Each structure stands twice: as C-alpha cells, then as structure tokens.
N, C-alpha and C. Protein backbone atom coordinates (compact mmCIF):
# COMPACT_ATOMS: atom_id res chain seq x y z
N MET A 1 113.50 90.71 72.39
CA MET A 1 112.16 91.29 72.34
C MET A 1 111.99 92.03 71.02
N THR A 2 110.87 91.85 70.36
CA THR A 2 110.65 92.49 69.07
C THR A 2 110.14 93.90 69.25
N ALA A 3 110.12 94.64 68.14
CA ALA A 3 109.61 96.01 68.19
C ALA A 3 108.12 96.01 68.50
N GLU A 4 107.43 94.89 68.19
CA GLU A 4 105.99 94.83 68.43
C GLU A 4 105.67 94.75 69.92
N ALA A 5 106.54 94.11 70.69
CA ALA A 5 106.25 93.89 72.11
C ALA A 5 106.07 95.19 72.89
N PRO A 6 107.00 96.15 72.76
CA PRO A 6 106.79 97.39 73.52
C PRO A 6 105.51 98.11 73.12
N ARG A 7 105.21 98.11 71.80
CA ARG A 7 103.99 98.78 71.35
C ARG A 7 102.76 98.09 71.94
N GLY A 8 102.77 96.75 71.92
CA GLY A 8 101.65 95.99 72.47
C GLY A 8 101.50 96.23 73.96
N TYR A 9 102.62 96.30 74.66
CA TYR A 9 102.60 96.54 76.10
C TYR A 9 102.04 97.93 76.40
N ALA A 10 102.49 98.93 75.64
CA ALA A 10 102.00 100.30 75.83
C ALA A 10 100.51 100.37 75.54
N LYS A 11 100.08 99.66 74.51
CA LYS A 11 98.66 99.65 74.15
C LYS A 11 97.84 99.01 75.27
N GLY A 12 98.38 97.94 75.84
CA GLY A 12 97.70 97.27 76.96
C GLY A 12 97.58 98.17 78.17
N ARG A 13 98.67 98.92 78.47
CA ARG A 13 98.62 99.86 79.60
C ARG A 13 97.61 100.97 79.36
N ALA A 14 97.56 101.45 78.12
CA ALA A 14 96.60 102.51 77.78
C ALA A 14 95.17 102.01 77.94
N LYS A 15 94.92 100.77 77.51
CA LYS A 15 93.58 100.19 77.64
C LYS A 15 93.23 100.00 79.11
N ARG A 16 94.21 99.58 79.90
CA ARG A 16 93.98 99.41 81.34
C ARG A 16 93.60 100.73 81.99
N ARG A 17 94.31 101.81 81.61
CA ARG A 17 93.98 103.15 82.14
C ARG A 17 92.56 103.57 81.72
N GLU A 18 92.21 103.27 80.46
CA GLU A 18 90.87 103.61 79.99
C GLU A 18 89.80 102.85 80.78
N ILE A 19 90.06 101.58 81.04
CA ILE A 19 89.11 100.78 81.83
C ILE A 19 88.96 101.38 83.22
N LEU A 20 90.07 101.76 83.85
CA LEU A 20 90.01 102.37 85.18
C LEU A 20 89.22 103.67 85.16
N ASP A 21 89.43 104.48 84.13
CA ASP A 21 88.70 105.75 84.02
C ASP A 21 87.21 105.52 83.86
N GLN A 22 86.84 104.59 83.00
CA GLN A 22 85.42 104.30 82.77
C GLN A 22 84.78 103.67 84.01
N ALA A 23 85.53 102.79 84.67
CA ALA A 23 85.02 102.17 85.89
C ALA A 23 84.82 103.22 86.98
N MET A 24 85.78 104.13 87.09
CA MET A 24 85.68 105.20 88.07
C MET A 24 84.41 106.01 87.84
N ALA A 25 84.14 106.33 86.59
CA ALA A 25 82.94 107.10 86.24
C ALA A 25 81.67 106.32 86.57
N LEU A 26 81.62 105.05 86.16
CA LEU A 26 80.40 104.27 86.38
C LEU A 26 80.18 103.95 87.85
N PHE A 27 81.24 103.63 88.58
CA PHE A 27 81.09 103.40 90.02
C PHE A 27 80.58 104.66 90.70
N GLY A 28 81.03 105.82 90.23
CA GLY A 28 80.55 107.08 90.79
C GLY A 28 79.08 107.32 90.48
N GLU A 29 78.65 106.93 89.28
CA GLU A 29 77.26 107.13 88.87
C GLU A 29 76.31 106.14 89.53
N ALA A 30 76.69 104.87 89.52
CA ALA A 30 75.76 103.81 89.94
C ALA A 30 76.15 103.12 91.23
N GLY A 31 77.31 103.46 91.80
CA GLY A 31 77.79 102.73 92.97
C GLY A 31 78.41 101.41 92.54
N TYR A 32 79.11 100.78 93.44
CA TYR A 32 79.78 99.53 93.09
C TYR A 32 78.77 98.45 92.73
N ARG A 33 77.75 98.30 93.57
CA ARG A 33 76.78 97.21 93.37
C ARG A 33 75.94 97.43 92.11
N GLY A 34 75.70 98.68 91.75
CA GLY A 34 74.87 98.97 90.58
C GLY A 34 75.63 99.00 89.27
N ALA A 35 76.95 98.97 89.33
CA ALA A 35 77.77 99.04 88.10
C ALA A 35 77.95 97.65 87.51
N SER A 36 77.97 97.58 86.19
CA SER A 36 78.12 96.30 85.49
C SER A 36 79.43 96.28 84.71
N LEU A 37 80.14 95.16 84.81
CA LEU A 37 81.38 95.01 84.04
C LEU A 37 81.09 95.05 82.54
N ARG A 38 79.95 94.54 82.14
CA ARG A 38 79.60 94.55 80.72
C ARG A 38 79.43 95.98 80.22
N VAL A 39 78.83 96.84 81.03
CA VAL A 39 78.65 98.24 80.63
C VAL A 39 80.01 98.93 80.55
N ILE A 40 80.88 98.66 81.50
CA ILE A 40 82.23 99.24 81.47
C ILE A 40 82.96 98.78 80.23
N ALA A 41 82.86 97.49 79.91
CA ALA A 41 83.51 96.95 78.71
C ALA A 41 82.98 97.64 77.46
N THR A 42 81.68 97.82 77.38
CA THR A 42 81.07 98.48 76.22
C THR A 42 81.57 99.91 76.09
N ARG A 43 81.65 100.62 77.20
CA ARG A 43 82.15 102.00 77.18
C ARG A 43 83.59 102.07 76.68
N CYS A 44 84.33 101.00 76.91
CA CYS A 44 85.75 100.96 76.50
C CYS A 44 85.92 100.38 75.09
N GLY A 45 84.83 99.93 74.49
CA GLY A 45 84.91 99.36 73.15
C GLY A 45 85.57 97.99 73.10
N ILE A 46 85.43 97.24 74.20
CA ILE A 46 86.00 95.89 74.24
C ILE A 46 84.93 94.91 74.70
N SER A 47 85.22 93.62 74.54
CA SER A 47 84.28 92.60 75.00
C SER A 47 84.39 92.42 76.51
N HIS A 48 83.39 91.77 77.07
CA HIS A 48 83.42 91.44 78.49
C HIS A 48 84.65 90.60 78.80
N THR A 49 84.95 89.63 77.92
CA THR A 49 86.13 88.78 78.08
C THR A 49 87.41 89.61 78.02
N GLY A 50 87.42 90.59 77.14
CA GLY A 50 88.59 91.48 77.03
C GLY A 50 88.84 92.25 78.31
N LEU A 51 87.76 92.70 78.94
CA LEU A 51 87.90 93.41 80.22
C LEU A 51 88.45 92.46 81.29
N LEU A 52 87.93 91.23 81.30
CA LEU A 52 88.38 90.25 82.30
C LEU A 52 89.85 89.87 82.12
N HIS A 53 90.37 90.08 80.94
CA HIS A 53 91.80 89.85 80.70
C HIS A 53 92.62 90.82 81.55
N HIS A 54 92.15 92.05 81.69
CA HIS A 54 92.85 93.06 82.48
C HIS A 54 92.50 92.98 83.97
N PHE A 55 91.22 92.75 84.25
CA PHE A 55 90.74 92.68 85.64
C PHE A 55 89.82 91.47 85.76
N PRO A 56 90.31 90.37 86.35
CA PRO A 56 89.57 89.11 86.35
C PRO A 56 88.25 89.13 87.14
N THR A 57 88.10 90.10 88.06
CA THR A 57 86.86 90.19 88.83
C THR A 57 86.48 91.65 89.01
N LYS A 58 85.22 91.87 89.32
CA LYS A 58 84.73 93.22 89.60
C LYS A 58 85.44 93.79 90.82
N GLU A 59 85.68 92.93 91.80
CA GLU A 59 86.38 93.36 93.01
C GLU A 59 87.79 93.85 92.66
N ALA A 60 88.48 93.13 91.80
CA ALA A 60 89.84 93.53 91.41
C ALA A 60 89.82 94.89 90.73
N LEU A 61 88.79 95.12 89.92
CA LEU A 61 88.68 96.40 89.23
C LEU A 61 88.40 97.53 90.21
N LEU A 62 87.49 97.32 91.13
CA LEU A 62 87.18 98.35 92.13
C LEU A 62 88.42 98.72 92.94
N LEU A 63 89.12 97.71 93.43
CA LEU A 63 90.30 97.97 94.25
C LEU A 63 91.38 98.69 93.44
N ALA A 64 91.52 98.35 92.16
CA ALA A 64 92.50 99.04 91.31
C ALA A 64 92.13 100.51 91.14
N VAL A 65 90.84 100.80 90.99
CA VAL A 65 90.38 102.18 90.86
C VAL A 65 90.68 102.95 92.14
N LEU A 66 90.35 102.37 93.29
CA LEU A 66 90.57 103.05 94.56
C LEU A 66 92.07 103.26 94.83
N GLU A 67 92.86 102.25 94.53
CA GLU A 67 94.30 102.36 94.74
C GLU A 67 94.92 103.41 93.82
N ARG A 68 94.40 103.51 92.60
CA ARG A 68 94.91 104.53 91.68
C ARG A 68 94.65 105.92 92.24
N ARG A 69 93.45 106.13 92.78
CA ARG A 69 93.12 107.43 93.38
C ARG A 69 94.07 107.73 94.54
N ASP A 70 94.29 106.74 95.39
CA ASP A 70 95.16 106.95 96.54
C ASP A 70 96.60 107.22 96.13
N ASP A 71 97.09 106.50 95.13
CA ASP A 71 98.46 106.71 94.67
C ASP A 71 98.66 108.14 94.17
N VAL A 72 97.71 108.62 93.39
CA VAL A 72 97.79 109.98 92.86
C VAL A 72 97.75 111.00 94.00
N ASP A 73 96.82 110.81 94.95
CA ASP A 73 96.69 111.75 96.05
C ASP A 73 97.89 111.71 96.99
N ASP A 74 98.38 110.51 97.30
CA ASP A 74 99.53 110.39 98.19
C ASP A 74 100.77 111.03 97.59
N GLU A 75 100.96 110.81 96.30
CA GLU A 75 102.10 111.42 95.62
C GLU A 75 101.99 112.94 95.65
N TRP A 76 100.79 113.42 95.44
CA TRP A 76 100.56 114.86 95.42
C TRP A 76 100.75 115.47 96.81
N LEU A 77 100.22 114.79 97.84
CA LEU A 77 100.35 115.30 99.22
C LEU A 77 101.81 115.36 99.66
N GLY A 78 102.62 114.41 99.16
CA GLY A 78 104.01 114.33 99.60
C GLY A 78 104.98 115.13 98.74
N LEU A 79 104.49 115.88 97.76
CA LEU A 79 105.39 116.65 96.90
C LEU A 79 106.29 117.56 97.71
N GLY A 80 107.56 117.53 97.42
CA GLY A 80 108.50 118.41 98.11
C GLY A 80 108.82 117.97 99.53
N GLY A 81 108.35 116.79 99.91
CA GLY A 81 108.65 116.29 101.25
C GLY A 81 108.06 117.14 102.36
N THR A 82 106.88 117.71 102.14
CA THR A 82 106.28 118.59 103.13
C THR A 82 105.92 117.83 104.41
N THR A 83 106.07 118.49 105.54
CA THR A 83 105.71 117.93 106.83
C THR A 83 105.05 119.03 107.66
N GLY A 84 104.47 118.63 108.78
CA GLY A 84 103.92 119.59 109.73
C GLY A 84 102.92 120.56 109.10
N VAL A 85 103.17 121.85 109.31
CA VAL A 85 102.27 122.89 108.81
C VAL A 85 102.12 122.80 107.29
N GLY A 86 103.22 122.57 106.61
CA GLY A 86 103.17 122.45 105.15
C GLY A 86 102.26 121.31 104.71
N ARG A 87 102.33 120.21 105.42
CA ARG A 87 101.50 119.05 105.09
C ARG A 87 100.03 119.34 105.39
N LEU A 88 99.76 120.01 106.49
CA LEU A 88 98.37 120.36 106.81
C LEU A 88 97.79 121.26 105.73
N ARG A 89 98.57 122.18 105.25
CA ARG A 89 98.09 123.08 104.20
C ARG A 89 97.93 122.35 102.87
N ARG A 90 98.66 121.27 102.70
CA ARG A 90 98.48 120.45 101.49
C ARG A 90 97.09 119.81 101.47
N PHE A 91 96.55 119.50 102.65
CA PHE A 91 95.20 118.95 102.71
C PHE A 91 94.20 119.95 102.13
N VAL A 92 94.41 121.23 102.40
CA VAL A 92 93.55 122.28 101.84
C VAL A 92 93.68 122.29 100.32
N GLU A 93 94.90 122.19 99.84
CA GLU A 93 95.13 122.17 98.39
C GLU A 93 94.50 120.93 97.75
N LEU A 94 94.51 119.82 98.48
CA LEU A 94 93.88 118.60 97.98
C LEU A 94 92.37 118.80 97.86
N ALA A 95 91.77 119.48 98.83
CA ALA A 95 90.34 119.77 98.76
C ALA A 95 90.03 120.64 97.54
N ALA A 96 90.90 121.60 97.25
CA ALA A 96 90.71 122.44 96.07
C ALA A 96 90.84 121.60 94.80
N LEU A 97 91.81 120.69 94.79
CA LEU A 97 91.99 119.80 93.64
C LEU A 97 90.76 118.93 93.43
N ASN A 98 90.19 118.42 94.52
CA ASN A 98 89.02 117.56 94.43
C ASN A 98 87.80 118.29 93.86
N SER A 99 87.76 119.61 94.03
CA SER A 99 86.61 120.36 93.50
C SER A 99 86.57 120.33 91.97
N GLY A 100 87.65 119.88 91.36
CA GLY A 100 87.67 119.72 89.91
C GLY A 100 87.57 118.26 89.48
N ARG A 101 87.30 117.36 90.44
CA ARG A 101 87.23 115.93 90.12
C ARG A 101 85.95 115.32 90.68
N ARG A 102 84.83 115.80 90.20
CA ARG A 102 83.55 115.34 90.75
C ARG A 102 83.40 113.81 90.68
N GLY A 103 83.79 113.22 89.55
CA GLY A 103 83.63 111.78 89.39
C GLY A 103 84.32 110.98 90.46
N ILE A 104 85.57 111.32 90.77
CA ILE A 104 86.32 110.55 91.76
C ILE A 104 85.80 110.83 93.18
N VAL A 105 85.37 112.05 93.43
CA VAL A 105 84.80 112.38 94.75
C VAL A 105 83.50 111.61 94.94
N GLU A 106 82.70 111.56 93.88
CA GLU A 106 81.44 110.82 93.95
C GLU A 106 81.69 109.33 94.17
N LEU A 107 82.64 108.79 93.43
CA LEU A 107 82.99 107.38 93.59
C LEU A 107 83.37 107.09 95.04
N PHE A 108 84.28 107.89 95.57
CA PHE A 108 84.75 107.66 96.93
C PHE A 108 83.59 107.73 97.92
N SER A 109 82.74 108.75 97.79
CA SER A 109 81.64 108.93 98.74
C SER A 109 80.65 107.79 98.67
N VAL A 110 80.29 107.37 97.45
CA VAL A 110 79.31 106.29 97.28
C VAL A 110 79.88 104.96 97.79
N VAL A 111 81.08 104.64 97.35
CA VAL A 111 81.63 103.32 97.68
C VAL A 111 82.04 103.23 99.15
N SER A 112 82.54 104.32 99.73
CA SER A 112 82.90 104.26 101.15
C SER A 112 81.67 104.02 102.01
N ALA A 113 80.53 104.59 101.62
CA ALA A 113 79.29 104.35 102.36
C ALA A 113 78.84 102.90 102.19
N GLU A 114 78.90 102.39 100.97
CA GLU A 114 78.53 100.99 100.73
C GLU A 114 79.45 100.04 101.49
N ALA A 115 80.72 100.41 101.58
CA ALA A 115 81.73 99.50 102.15
C ALA A 115 81.68 99.41 103.67
N THR A 116 80.75 100.12 104.31
CA THR A 116 80.61 99.94 105.76
C THR A 116 80.08 98.53 106.05
N ALA A 117 79.43 97.91 105.07
CA ALA A 117 78.97 96.53 105.24
C ALA A 117 80.19 95.60 105.21
N ALA A 118 80.27 94.74 106.20
CA ALA A 118 81.45 93.87 106.35
C ALA A 118 81.66 92.94 105.16
N ASP A 119 80.59 92.63 104.41
CA ASP A 119 80.73 91.71 103.29
C ASP A 119 81.05 92.43 101.97
N HIS A 120 81.18 93.74 102.00
CA HIS A 120 81.51 94.49 100.78
C HIS A 120 82.96 94.21 100.42
N PRO A 121 83.26 94.04 99.12
CA PRO A 121 84.63 93.71 98.73
C PRO A 121 85.67 94.78 99.06
N ALA A 122 85.22 96.02 99.26
CA ALA A 122 86.17 97.09 99.59
C ALA A 122 86.19 97.41 101.09
N HIS A 123 85.50 96.61 101.89
CA HIS A 123 85.42 96.89 103.33
C HIS A 123 86.80 96.97 103.98
N LYS A 124 87.62 95.95 103.77
CA LYS A 124 88.96 95.93 104.39
C LYS A 124 89.82 97.07 103.85
N TYR A 125 89.67 97.35 102.57
CA TYR A 125 90.42 98.46 101.97
C TYR A 125 90.11 99.77 102.69
N PHE A 126 88.81 100.06 102.91
CA PHE A 126 88.45 101.32 103.55
C PHE A 126 88.83 101.35 105.02
N VAL A 127 88.75 100.22 105.71
CA VAL A 127 89.21 100.19 107.11
C VAL A 127 90.69 100.58 107.16
N ARG A 128 91.49 99.96 106.27
CA ARG A 128 92.93 100.27 106.20
C ARG A 128 93.17 101.72 105.79
N ARG A 129 92.40 102.17 104.81
CA ARG A 129 92.59 103.51 104.29
C ARG A 129 92.32 104.56 105.37
N TYR A 130 91.25 104.38 106.14
CA TYR A 130 90.95 105.35 107.20
C TYR A 130 92.00 105.31 108.30
N GLU A 131 92.47 104.13 108.62
CA GLU A 131 93.55 104.04 109.61
C GLU A 131 94.77 104.83 109.13
N ASN A 132 95.13 104.65 107.86
CA ASN A 132 96.30 105.35 107.30
C ASN A 132 96.07 106.85 107.17
N SER A 133 94.86 107.24 106.77
CA SER A 133 94.55 108.67 106.61
C SER A 133 94.61 109.39 107.95
N VAL A 134 93.99 108.79 108.96
CA VAL A 134 94.00 109.41 110.29
C VAL A 134 95.43 109.46 110.83
N ALA A 135 96.18 108.38 110.63
CA ALA A 135 97.58 108.36 111.11
C ALA A 135 98.40 109.44 110.42
N GLY A 136 98.19 109.63 109.11
CA GLY A 136 98.92 110.66 108.38
C GLY A 136 98.59 112.06 108.86
N ALA A 137 97.31 112.31 109.10
CA ALA A 137 96.89 113.62 109.60
C ALA A 137 97.43 113.84 111.02
N ARG A 138 97.35 112.80 111.86
CA ARG A 138 97.87 112.90 113.22
C ARG A 138 99.36 113.24 113.21
N THR A 139 100.12 112.58 112.34
CA THR A 139 101.55 112.84 112.23
C THR A 139 101.81 114.29 111.83
N ALA A 140 101.02 114.81 110.90
CA ALA A 140 101.19 116.20 110.47
C ALA A 140 100.94 117.15 111.65
N TYR A 141 99.93 116.86 112.46
CA TYR A 141 99.66 117.70 113.65
C TYR A 141 100.79 117.57 114.67
N GLU A 142 101.29 116.35 114.86
CA GLU A 142 102.41 116.16 115.79
C GLU A 142 103.63 116.95 115.34
N GLN A 143 103.90 116.92 114.04
CA GLN A 143 105.04 117.67 113.49
C GLN A 143 104.81 119.18 113.65
N ALA A 144 103.58 119.62 113.44
CA ALA A 144 103.27 121.05 113.61
C ALA A 144 103.50 121.46 115.06
N ARG A 145 103.16 120.57 115.99
CA ARG A 145 103.40 120.87 117.42
C ARG A 145 104.89 120.98 117.70
N LEU A 146 105.69 120.06 117.12
CA LEU A 146 107.14 120.12 117.30
C LEU A 146 107.73 121.40 116.68
N GLU A 147 107.10 121.89 115.63
CA GLU A 147 107.54 123.13 114.99
C GLU A 147 107.13 124.36 115.81
N GLY A 148 106.34 124.14 116.88
CA GLY A 148 105.86 125.25 117.69
C GLY A 148 104.73 126.01 117.02
N ALA A 149 104.04 125.36 116.07
CA ALA A 149 103.02 126.05 115.28
C ALA A 149 101.59 125.64 115.63
N LEU A 150 101.44 124.70 116.58
CA LEU A 150 100.11 124.22 116.93
C LEU A 150 99.62 124.90 118.20
N ARG A 151 98.40 125.39 118.18
CA ARG A 151 97.85 126.07 119.36
C ARG A 151 97.77 125.12 120.55
N ALA A 152 97.89 125.68 121.73
CA ALA A 152 97.77 124.90 122.97
C ALA A 152 96.38 124.27 123.03
N GLY A 153 96.33 123.05 123.53
CA GLY A 153 95.05 122.37 123.70
C GLY A 153 94.61 121.56 122.50
N ILE A 154 95.35 121.64 121.39
CA ILE A 154 95.00 120.84 120.21
C ILE A 154 95.72 119.49 120.33
N ALA A 155 94.94 118.42 120.48
CA ALA A 155 95.51 117.08 120.60
C ALA A 155 95.65 116.48 119.20
N PRO A 156 96.87 116.13 118.78
CA PRO A 156 97.09 115.63 117.43
C PRO A 156 96.20 114.45 117.02
N ASP A 157 95.95 113.51 117.93
CA ASP A 157 95.13 112.36 117.56
C ASP A 157 93.70 112.78 117.25
N ALA A 158 93.10 113.55 118.15
CA ALA A 158 91.72 114.01 117.93
C ALA A 158 91.66 114.93 116.71
N ALA A 159 92.64 115.81 116.57
CA ALA A 159 92.66 116.74 115.44
C ALA A 159 92.78 116.00 114.11
N GLY A 160 93.58 114.94 114.08
CA GLY A 160 93.72 114.15 112.86
C GLY A 160 92.41 113.49 112.47
N ARG A 161 91.71 112.92 113.46
CA ARG A 161 90.41 112.30 113.18
C ARG A 161 89.40 113.34 112.70
N GLN A 162 89.40 114.49 113.34
CA GLN A 162 88.46 115.54 112.96
C GLN A 162 88.74 116.04 111.55
N LEU A 163 90.00 116.16 111.19
CA LEU A 163 90.36 116.66 109.87
C LEU A 163 89.85 115.73 108.77
N ILE A 164 90.06 114.43 108.94
CA ILE A 164 89.61 113.47 107.94
C ILE A 164 88.09 113.44 107.88
N ALA A 165 87.43 113.49 109.04
CA ALA A 165 85.97 113.51 109.07
C ALA A 165 85.43 114.78 108.39
N LEU A 166 86.08 115.91 108.64
CA LEU A 166 85.65 117.16 108.02
C LEU A 166 85.81 117.10 106.50
N MET A 167 86.93 116.59 106.04
CA MET A 167 87.15 116.49 104.60
C MET A 167 86.07 115.64 103.93
N ASP A 168 85.77 114.49 104.52
CA ASP A 168 84.78 113.60 103.92
C ASP A 168 83.38 114.20 104.00
N GLY A 169 83.06 114.82 105.11
CA GLY A 169 81.75 115.46 105.25
C GLY A 169 81.56 116.61 104.27
N LEU A 170 82.62 117.38 104.07
CA LEU A 170 82.56 118.48 103.10
C LEU A 170 82.33 117.96 101.69
N GLN A 171 82.93 116.81 101.38
CA GLN A 171 82.74 116.24 100.05
C GLN A 171 81.28 115.89 99.81
N VAL A 172 80.62 115.34 100.82
CA VAL A 172 79.20 114.99 100.68
C VAL A 172 78.37 116.26 100.50
N GLN A 173 78.64 117.29 101.31
CA GLN A 173 77.92 118.56 101.17
C GLN A 173 78.15 119.17 99.79
N TRP A 174 79.38 119.09 99.32
CA TRP A 174 79.74 119.64 98.01
C TRP A 174 78.98 118.91 96.90
N LEU A 175 78.90 117.58 97.00
CA LEU A 175 78.16 116.80 96.01
C LEU A 175 76.67 117.12 96.03
N LEU A 176 76.10 117.15 97.22
CA LEU A 176 74.66 117.39 97.34
C LEU A 176 74.28 118.82 96.95
N GLY A 177 75.20 119.75 97.19
CA GLY A 177 74.93 121.15 96.87
C GLY A 177 75.39 121.53 95.48
N ASP A 178 75.72 120.54 94.66
CA ASP A 178 76.16 120.77 93.29
C ASP A 178 77.33 121.76 93.22
N GLY A 179 78.28 121.55 94.13
CA GLY A 179 79.51 122.35 94.10
C GLY A 179 79.43 123.68 94.82
N ALA A 180 78.32 123.96 95.50
CA ALA A 180 78.17 125.27 96.15
C ALA A 180 79.08 125.42 97.38
N THR A 181 79.41 124.32 98.04
CA THR A 181 80.28 124.37 99.22
C THR A 181 81.72 124.56 98.78
N ASP A 182 82.39 125.55 99.33
CA ASP A 182 83.80 125.78 99.04
C ASP A 182 84.62 124.93 100.02
N MET A 183 84.91 123.70 99.62
CA MET A 183 85.58 122.76 100.50
C MET A 183 86.92 123.30 101.00
N ALA A 184 87.69 123.87 100.09
CA ALA A 184 89.02 124.36 100.47
C ALA A 184 88.94 125.50 101.46
N ALA A 185 88.01 126.41 101.27
CA ALA A 185 87.89 127.56 102.17
C ALA A 185 87.51 127.12 103.58
N VAL A 186 86.56 126.19 103.68
CA VAL A 186 86.14 125.71 105.00
C VAL A 186 87.30 124.98 105.68
N LEU A 187 87.98 124.15 104.94
CA LEU A 187 89.10 123.39 105.49
C LEU A 187 90.24 124.32 105.91
N ARG A 188 90.51 125.32 105.07
CA ARG A 188 91.57 126.29 105.38
C ARG A 188 91.27 127.01 106.69
N ALA A 189 90.03 127.48 106.86
CA ALA A 189 89.65 128.19 108.09
C ALA A 189 89.81 127.28 109.31
N HIS A 190 89.43 126.03 109.16
CA HIS A 190 89.54 125.07 110.27
C HIS A 190 91.01 124.88 110.67
N ILE A 191 91.87 124.64 109.70
CA ILE A 191 93.29 124.39 110.01
C ILE A 191 93.98 125.64 110.51
N GLU A 192 93.73 126.78 109.89
CA GLU A 192 94.40 128.02 110.30
C GLU A 192 94.03 128.40 111.73
N ALA A 193 92.80 128.06 112.15
CA ALA A 193 92.37 128.36 113.52
C ALA A 193 93.13 127.52 114.54
N GLN A 194 93.74 126.43 114.08
CA GLN A 194 94.49 125.54 114.98
C GLN A 194 95.98 125.88 115.05
N LEU A 195 96.43 126.79 114.18
CA LEU A 195 97.84 127.10 114.09
C LEU A 195 98.17 128.45 114.68
N THR A 196 99.42 128.61 115.07
CA THR A 196 99.88 129.87 115.63
C THR A 196 100.66 130.70 114.61
N VAL A 197 100.80 130.18 113.41
CA VAL A 197 101.58 130.87 112.39
C VAL A 197 100.67 131.39 111.28
N ASP A 198 101.05 132.50 110.70
CA ASP A 198 100.27 133.05 109.59
C ASP A 198 100.67 132.33 108.31
N ARG A 199 99.81 132.48 107.33
CA ARG A 199 100.09 131.89 106.03
C ARG A 199 101.30 132.58 105.44
C-alpha cells in the first residue's frame, strides 16, 4: 500500500462524515421527503455523482445518519457499564446532552413522525429502534428493582414504555418552545419519583 492510500482513505472518511453532518442538518430542516441529495451535495462542495459514490441512495444516507446518532447515544449511555439506577440516570444526562443538539433532535422528531407510514424508507428502522429502546429502558428498571431501588408498584415494562414516550414528547415540547422546556429536569423528577434511593 502506498503512502497515498491512507491519506485518500482518511479524506474519504472525512467527506463521508461531512455528508452525514449536512444530511442530518437538512433532514432536520426539511424532513426526509423535503430534503434533496443535490442540495446536500452542494452544501458539501461535491457533485451529485460524488455524493452517490458515498451513499448510492437517499434511503442509504438517511439510515446512515440515524444509525450514527444511535451509535453515539448507545456508546454514551453505556459508558462505565452502568446498569439499573445508574443507567436510568444516564437517560437524564442524555436529555441534557440533547438540549445542545437541536439539529439531531429535530431530525429525529421529524423523521420518526414521517416514518409512521409503512412505505417510508425508515419505517422498519424506527419499529426496530423503539423495540430496542423500550427493551433497554425496561431492563434498566428491572435491574433497579433487583437492586432494591425501585418503588413498589412500578412495573418495569410499563415504566420503560413511559420513559421512552416521555423523552420523545419532551423533545417535541422543547423544539416547539424554542428550548424553554428543561427536558433533563422533567425527566429527572419523573425517574427520581420512581426510586427509593437518593441521588
């Protein structure tokens, strides 16, 4: 392998990241259906053909953007191998983190609503994502119960569904209120009311 190959590969990865960032922004602004690959290519300073070299279809680009968001969030949620109460409190920290990422929150909210249509290219992705999100929250509640930290009468399955619904609903309120809703504070109060342990 020549010295040029690693540089070219690194340059390609950097361009791919730039495309994902620009796509994330445009999908957040215009929604998936309203976003154009040509506009994304222009924002990245490349041709439409150049963009298709990295992402052959609009669907492939959307899924790559969504998966990138999930990878970052999953890695962050799992830092230090937290479980149970620690994992539940990580959800609060994630809400605080999201308050500094309007573009990605907007993208998620817009595209998840669009993807309720069965023919949307991200429909299966969001069905899977919600199943995994609810399962992860349920597991955290089950672990908190095993730790003796969950209040009596809190059912992990229902609590997990409620937590994910609350997080997503708060994001919509936060977007519509131009950041006036303190997502982390509301989420923290909700979770702490379900626990028997102090912070």
